[in-house]
Amino acid sequence: MLDSAKKSGKSISFATQVAASRLMCMAITDKSGAQFKMIPVKGGAVGIQEVLGGHVDATWSGSGWTEQVRAGKLRPLATMSPERMTDYPNIPTLMELGYNFTFTDTFMLSAPKGVPADVVAKLSAAIKQAINDPEVQKTLHDKIKLLTKYRDAKETLAFLKKQHADVEPLVKKLK
């Protein structure tokens, strides 16, 4: 797709609903020279519909694409995750393809500064228990294709700082 776009001089039309996918396209452009035309859409499902309808060349979606891939209607090209997906081990990561970009969806509970340590500990224990529940894991993995990894407050902060450092050069380009 990238080679074809560069040879033709055309941009790749890309349905995007989140900043992470725009940053991903910037990282790909930096390395490959291929250009993207960003088409804002409201949600991953709309992006998928745009691709299936032939209105755009590509999109990014967190999990809504799996049934379309199984049906042979969509072809996954790469994952933004730092590791390959367990259900799709043949899909390379962007890093493996030579693009310096990863992104992991992160859902977290935040609280105001100064929350007592015992309250943070109780919340953390409850979240850890909920995430590690086998039925929750099965639902998240089997139905939504989300793999979960519990991080405590310190691990979450370190993770967020690393993600910030990784995307900061791209964000500065946007300015």
C-alpha atoms as a PDB file:
ATOM      1  CA  MET A   1       0.000   0.000   0.000  1.00  0.00           C
ATOM      2  CA  LEU A   2       2.803   2.399   0.905  1.00  0.00           C
ATOM      3  CA  ASP A   3       4.817   1.594  -2.209  1.00  0.00           C
ATOM      4  CA  SER A   4       1.773   1.995  -4.422  1.00  0.00           C
ATOM      5  CA  ALA A   5       0.936   5.365  -2.895  1.00  0.00           C
ATOM      6  CA  LYS A   6       4.493   6.634  -3.292  1.00  0.00           C
ATOM      7  CA  LYS A   7       4.703   5.459  -6.934  1.00  0.00           C
ATOM      8  CA  SER A   8       1.377   7.040  -7.848  1.00  0.00           C
ATOM      9  CA  GLY A   9       2.043  10.218  -5.888  1.00  0.00           C
ATOM     10  CA  LYS A  10      -1.352   9.859  -4.227  1.00  0.00           C
ATOM     11  CA  SER A  11      -2.089  10.071  -0.540  1.00  0.00           C
ATOM     12  CA  ILE A  12      -3.505   7.146   1.360  1.00  0.00           C
ATOM     13  CA  SER A  13      -6.958   8.104   2.594  1.00  0.00           C
ATOM     14  CA  PHE A  14      -7.177   7.143   6.244  1.00  0.00           C
ATOM     15  CA  ALA A  15     -10.301   7.172   8.420  1.00  0.00           C
ATOM     16  CA  THR A  16      -9.232   8.326  11.855  1.00  0.00           C
ATOM     17  CA  GLN A  17     -11.097   8.774  15.093  1.00  0.00           C
ATOM     18  CA  VAL A  18      -8.276   9.107  17.599  1.00  0.00           C
ATOM     19  CA  ALA A  19      -5.037  11.056  17.873  1.00  0.00           C
ATOM     20  CA  ALA A  20      -2.998   7.844  18.218  1.00  0.00           C
ATOM     21  CA  SER A  21      -3.821   6.784  14.664  1.00  0.00           C
ATOM     22  CA  ARG A  22      -2.862  10.230  13.338  1.00  0.00           C
ATOM     23  CA  LEU A  23       0.449  10.004  15.184  1.00  0.00           C
ATOM     24  CA  MET A  24       0.946   6.504  13.762  1.00  0.00           C
ATOM     25  CA  CYS A  25       0.477   7.870  10.239  1.00  0.00           C
ATOM     26  CA  MET A  26       3.032  10.593  10.970  1.00  0.00           C
ATOM     27  CA  ALA A  27       5.550   7.987  12.117  1.00  0.00           C
ATOM     28  CA  ILE A  28       4.951   5.971   8.938  1.00  0.00           C
ATOM     29  CA  THR A  29       5.320   9.089   6.781  1.00  0.00           C
ATOM     30  CA  ASP A  30       8.586   9.997   8.535  1.00  0.00           C
ATOM     31  CA  LYS A  31      10.080   6.600   7.683  1.00  0.00           C
ATOM     32  CA  SER A  32       8.485   5.789   4.319  1.00  0.00           C
ATOM     33  CA  GLY A  33       7.663   9.131   2.721  1.00  0.00           C
ATOM     34  CA  ALA A  34       4.131   7.933   1.950  1.00  0.00           C
ATOM     35  CA  GLN A  35       1.518  10.608   2.572  1.00  0.00           C
ATOM     36  CA  PHE A  36      -1.821  10.216   4.320  1.00  0.00           C
ATOM     37  CA  LYS A  37      -5.021  12.184   3.910  1.00  0.00           C
ATOM     38  CA  MET A  38      -6.800  12.115   7.259  1.00  0.00           C
ATOM     39  CA  ILE A  39     -10.565  11.646   7.126  1.00  0.00           C
ATOM     40  CA  PRO A  40     -12.110  12.272  10.566  1.00  0.00           C
ATOM     41  CA  VAL A  41     -14.803   9.773  11.543  1.00  0.00           C
ATOM     42  CA  LYS A  42     -16.835   9.208  14.678  1.00  0.00           C
ATOM     43  CA  GLY A  43     -15.643   5.844  15.935  1.00  0.00           C
ATOM     44  CA  GLY A  44     -13.878   2.734  14.733  1.00  0.00           C
ATOM     45  CA  ALA A  45     -17.085   1.187  13.369  1.00  0.00           C
ATOM     46  CA  VAL A  46     -17.553   4.143  11.012  1.00  0.00           C
ATOM     47  CA  GLY A  47     -13.933   3.835   9.867  1.00  0.00           C
ATOM     48  CA  ILE A  48     -14.493   0.161   9.110  1.00  0.00           C
ATOM     49  CA  GLN A  49     -17.663   0.996   7.162  1.00  0.00           C
ATOM     50  CA  GLU A  50     -15.716   3.586   5.174  1.00  0.00           C
ATOM     51  CA  VAL A  51     -13.084   0.993   4.206  1.00  0.00           C
ATOM     52  CA  LEU A  52     -15.677  -1.680   3.371  1.00  0.00           C
ATOM     53  CA  GLY A  53     -17.583   0.853   1.251  1.00  0.00           C
ATOM     54  CA  GLY A  54     -14.457   1.772  -0.692  1.00  0.00           C
ATOM     55  CA  HIS A  55     -14.527   5.385   0.518  1.00  0.00           C
ATOM     56  CA  VAL A  56     -11.108   5.273   2.213  1.00  0.00           C
ATOM     57  CA  ASP A  57      -8.029   3.113   1.843  1.00  0.00           C
ATOM     58  CA  ALA A  58      -7.424   2.262   5.502  1.00  0.00           C
ATOM     59  CA  THR A  59      -8.453   2.827   9.095  1.00  0.00           C
ATOM     60  CA  TRP A  60      -7.501   1.924  12.638  1.00  0.00           C
ATOM     61  CA  SER A  61      -9.842   0.291  15.094  1.00  0.00           C
ATOM     62  CA  GLY A  62      -9.236  -1.139  18.512  1.00  0.00           C
ATOM     63  CA  SER A  63     -11.340  -4.270  18.215  1.00  0.00           C
ATOM     64  CA  GLY A  64     -14.335  -3.897  15.908  1.00  0.00           C
ATOM     65  CA  TRP A  65     -12.573  -5.328  12.892  1.00  0.00           C
ATOM     66  CA  THR A  66     -12.175  -8.963  13.954  1.00  0.00           C
ATOM     67  CA  GLU A  67     -15.454 -10.268  12.495  1.00  0.00           C
ATOM     68  CA  GLN A  68     -14.740  -8.553   9.183  1.00  0.00           C
ATOM     69  CA  VAL A  69     -11.282 -10.131   9.079  1.00  0.00           C
ATOM     70  CA  ARG A  70     -12.744 -13.577   9.832  1.00  0.00           C
ATOM     71  CA  ALA A  71     -15.245 -13.041   7.006  1.00  0.00           C
ATOM     72  CA  GLY A  72     -12.417 -12.144   4.614  1.00  0.00           C
ATOM     73  CA  LYS A  73     -13.667  -8.584   4.084  1.00  0.00           C
ATOM     74  CA  LEU A  74     -10.791  -6.757   5.787  1.00  0.00           C
ATOM     75  CA  ARG A  75      -7.075  -7.426   5.870  1.00  0.00           C
ATOM     76  CA  PRO A  76      -5.107  -6.386   8.943  1.00  0.00           C
ATOM     77  CA  LEU A  77      -1.760  -4.856   8.032  1.00  0.00           C
ATOM     78  CA  ALA A  78      -0.037  -4.164  11.351  1.00  0.00           C
ATOM     79  CA  THR A  79      -0.629  -3.669  15.039  1.00  0.00           C
ATOM     80  CA  MET A  80       0.389  -0.628  17.068  1.00  0.00           C
ATOM     81  CA  SER A  81       0.936  -2.865  20.074  1.00  0.00           C
ATOM     82  CA  PRO A  82       4.527  -3.475  21.151  1.00  0.00           C
ATOM     83  CA  GLU A  83       3.870  -7.240  20.883  1.00  0.00           C
ATOM     84  CA  ARG A  84       2.081  -9.335  18.294  1.00  0.00           C
ATOM     85  CA  MET A  85      -1.523 -10.206  19.062  1.00  0.00           C
ATOM     86  CA  THR A  86      -2.112 -13.722  20.384  1.00  0.00           C
ATOM     87  CA  ASP A  87      -5.138 -14.290  18.111  1.00  0.00           C
ATOM     88  CA  TYR A  88      -3.348 -12.931  15.036  1.00  0.00           C
ATOM     89  CA  PRO A  89       0.304 -13.934  15.421  1.00  0.00           C
ATOM     90  CA  ASN A  90       1.059 -13.335  11.738  1.00  0.00           C
ATOM     91  CA  ILE A  91       0.261  -9.621  11.932  1.00  0.00           C
ATOM     92  CA  PRO A  92       3.522  -7.737  12.478  1.00  0.00           C
ATOM     93  CA  THR A  93       3.952  -4.843  14.856  1.00  0.00           C
ATOM     94  CA  LEU A  94       4.819  -1.423  13.469  1.00  0.00           C
ATOM     95  CA  MET A  95       8.153  -1.689  15.298  1.00  0.00           C
ATOM     96  CA  GLU A  96       8.920  -4.957  13.496  1.00  0.00           C
ATOM     97  CA  LEU A  97       8.185  -3.198  10.214  1.00  0.00           C
ATOM     98  CA  GLY A  98      10.689  -0.482  11.093  1.00  0.00           C
ATOM     99  CA  TYR A  99       8.309   2.258  12.194  1.00  0.00           C
ATOM    100  CA  ASN A 100       9.226   3.792  15.521  1.00  0.00           C
ATOM    101  CA  PHE A 101       5.741   3.811  17.005  1.00  0.00           C
ATOM    102  CA  THR A 102       3.730   1.785  19.494  1.00  0.00           C
ATOM    103  CA  PHE A 103       0.485   2.507  21.240  1.00  0.00           C
ATOM    104  CA  THR A 104      -1.444   0.565  23.818  1.00  0.00           C
ATOM    105  CA  ASP A 105      -4.985   1.471  24.788  1.00  0.00           C
ATOM    106  CA  THR A 106      -4.919   2.253  28.461  1.00  0.00           C
ATOM    107  CA  PHE A 107      -7.960   2.333  30.680  1.00  0.00           C
ATOM    108  CA  MET A 108      -7.250   3.629  34.120  1.00  0.00           C
ATOM    109  CA  LEU A 109      -8.906   4.930  37.206  1.00  0.00           C
ATOM    110  CA  SER A 110      -7.702   8.364  38.267  1.00  0.00           C
ATOM    111  CA  ALA A 111      -8.233  10.129  41.567  1.00  0.00           C
ATOM    112  CA  PRO A 112      -7.417  13.591  42.867  1.00  0.00           C
ATOM    113  CA  LYS A 113      -3.966  14.215  44.262  1.00  0.00           C
ATOM    114  CA  GLY A 114      -3.879  13.628  47.988  1.00  0.00           C
ATOM    115  CA  VAL A 115      -6.198  10.631  48.161  1.00  0.00           C
ATOM    116  CA  PRO A 116      -5.117   8.677  51.256  1.00  0.00           C
ATOM    117  CA  ALA A 117      -2.809   5.738  50.577  1.00  0.00           C
ATOM    118  CA  ASP A 118      -5.209   3.252  52.190  1.00  0.00           C
ATOM    119  CA  VAL A 119      -7.977   4.341  49.781  1.00  0.00           C
ATOM    120  CA  VAL A 120      -5.623   3.992  46.794  1.00  0.00           C
ATOM    121  CA  ALA A 121      -4.655   0.527  48.049  1.00  0.00           C
ATOM    122  CA  LYS A 122      -8.323  -0.535  48.347  1.00  0.00           C
ATOM    123  CA  LEU A 123      -9.164   0.765  44.868  1.00  0.00           C
ATOM    124  CA  SER A 124      -6.079  -0.883  43.394  1.00  0.00           C
ATOM    125  CA  ALA A 125      -6.893  -4.229  45.007  1.00  0.00           C
ATOM    126  CA  ALA A 126     -10.488  -4.087  43.736  1.00  0.00           C
ATOM    127  CA  ILE A 127      -9.389  -3.246  40.188  1.00  0.00           C
ATOM    128  CA  LYS A 128      -6.752  -5.981  40.209  1.00  0.00           C
ATOM    129  CA  GLN A 129      -9.295  -8.522  41.443  1.00  0.00           C
ATOM    130  CA  ALA A 130     -11.834  -7.471  38.811  1.00  0.00           C
ATOM    131  CA  ILE A 131      -9.344  -7.531  35.916  1.00  0.00           C
ATOM    132  CA  ASN A 132      -7.960 -10.911  36.931  1.00  0.00           C
ATOM    133  CA  ASP A 133     -11.390 -12.519  37.274  1.00  0.00           C
ATOM    134  CA  PRO A 134     -11.500 -15.382  34.727  1.00  0.00           C
ATOM    135  CA  GLU A 135     -14.978 -14.437  33.489  1.00  0.00           C
ATOM    136  CA  VAL A 136     -13.942 -10.820  32.966  1.00  0.00           C
ATOM    137  CA  GLN A 137     -10.816 -11.955  31.117  1.00  0.00           C
ATOM    138  CA  LYS A 138     -12.880 -14.286  28.935  1.00  0.00           C
ATOM    139  CA  THR A 139     -15.397 -11.563  28.094  1.00  0.00           C
ATOM    140  CA  LEU A 140     -12.741  -8.968  27.331  1.00  0.00           C
ATOM    141  CA  HIS A 141     -10.673 -11.334  25.221  1.00  0.00           C
ATOM    142  CA  ASP A 142     -13.304 -13.438  23.477  1.00  0.00           C
ATOM    143  CA  LYS A 143     -15.937 -10.793  22.819  1.00  0.00           C
ATOM    144  CA  ILE A 144     -14.014  -7.522  22.485  1.00  0.00           C
ATOM    145  CA  LYS A 145     -10.520  -8.833  21.722  1.00  0.00           C
ATOM    146  CA  LEU A 146      -8.951  -6.711  24.432  1.00  0.00           C
ATOM    147  CA  LEU A 147      -6.010  -8.141  26.286  1.00  0.00           C
ATOM    148  CA  THR A 148      -5.683  -6.725  29.755  1.00  0.00           C
ATOM    149  CA  LYS A 149      -2.709  -6.189  31.955  1.00  0.00           C
ATOM    150  CA  TYR A 150      -3.061  -4.864  35.463  1.00  0.00           C
ATOM    151  CA  ARG A 151      -0.665  -2.108  36.455  1.00  0.00           C
ATOM    152  CA  ASP A 152      -0.530  -0.604  39.913  1.00  0.00           C
ATOM    153  CA  ALA A 153      -0.289   3.176  40.352  1.00  0.00           C
ATOM    154  CA  LYS A 154       3.519   3.286  40.065  1.00  0.00           C
ATOM    155  CA  GLU A 155       3.589   1.028  37.007  1.00  0.00           C
ATOM    156  CA  THR A 156       0.830   3.069  35.367  1.00  0.00           C
ATOM    157  CA  LEU A 157       2.692   6.321  35.928  1.00  0.00           C
ATOM    158  CA  ALA A 158       5.909   4.845  34.498  1.00  0.00           C
ATOM    159  CA  PHE A 159       3.972   3.505  31.493  1.00  0.00           C
ATOM    160  CA  LEU A 160       2.332   6.882  30.838  1.00  0.00           C
ATOM    161  CA  LYS A 161       5.665   8.693  31.093  1.00  0.00           C
ATOM    162  CA  LYS A 162       7.209   6.316  28.563  1.00  0.00           C
ATOM    163  CA  GLN A 163       4.299   6.743  26.149  1.00  0.00           C
ATOM    164  CA  HIS A 164       4.593  10.505  26.519  1.00  0.00           C
ATOM    165  CA  ALA A 165       8.314  10.421  25.748  1.00  0.00           C
ATOM    166  CA  ASP A 166       7.711   8.179  22.732  1.00  0.00           C
ATOM    167  CA  VAL A 167       5.067  10.387  21.114  1.00  0.00           C
ATOM    168  CA  GLU A 168       6.373  13.796  22.175  1.00  0.00           C
ATOM    169  CA  PRO A 169       8.514  14.285  19.025  1.00  0.00           C
ATOM    170  CA  LEU A 170       5.464  13.606  16.825  1.00  0.00           C
ATOM    171  CA  VAL A 171       3.238  15.898  18.857  1.00  0.00           C
ATOM    172  CA  LYS A 172       5.804  18.695  18.544  1.00  0.00           C
ATOM    173  CA  LYS A 173       5.603  18.305  14.760  1.00  0.00           C
ATOM    174  CA  LEU A 174       1.876  18.898  14.955  1.00  0.00           C
ATOM    175  CA  LYS A 175       2.482  22.261  16.586  1.00  0.00           C
END
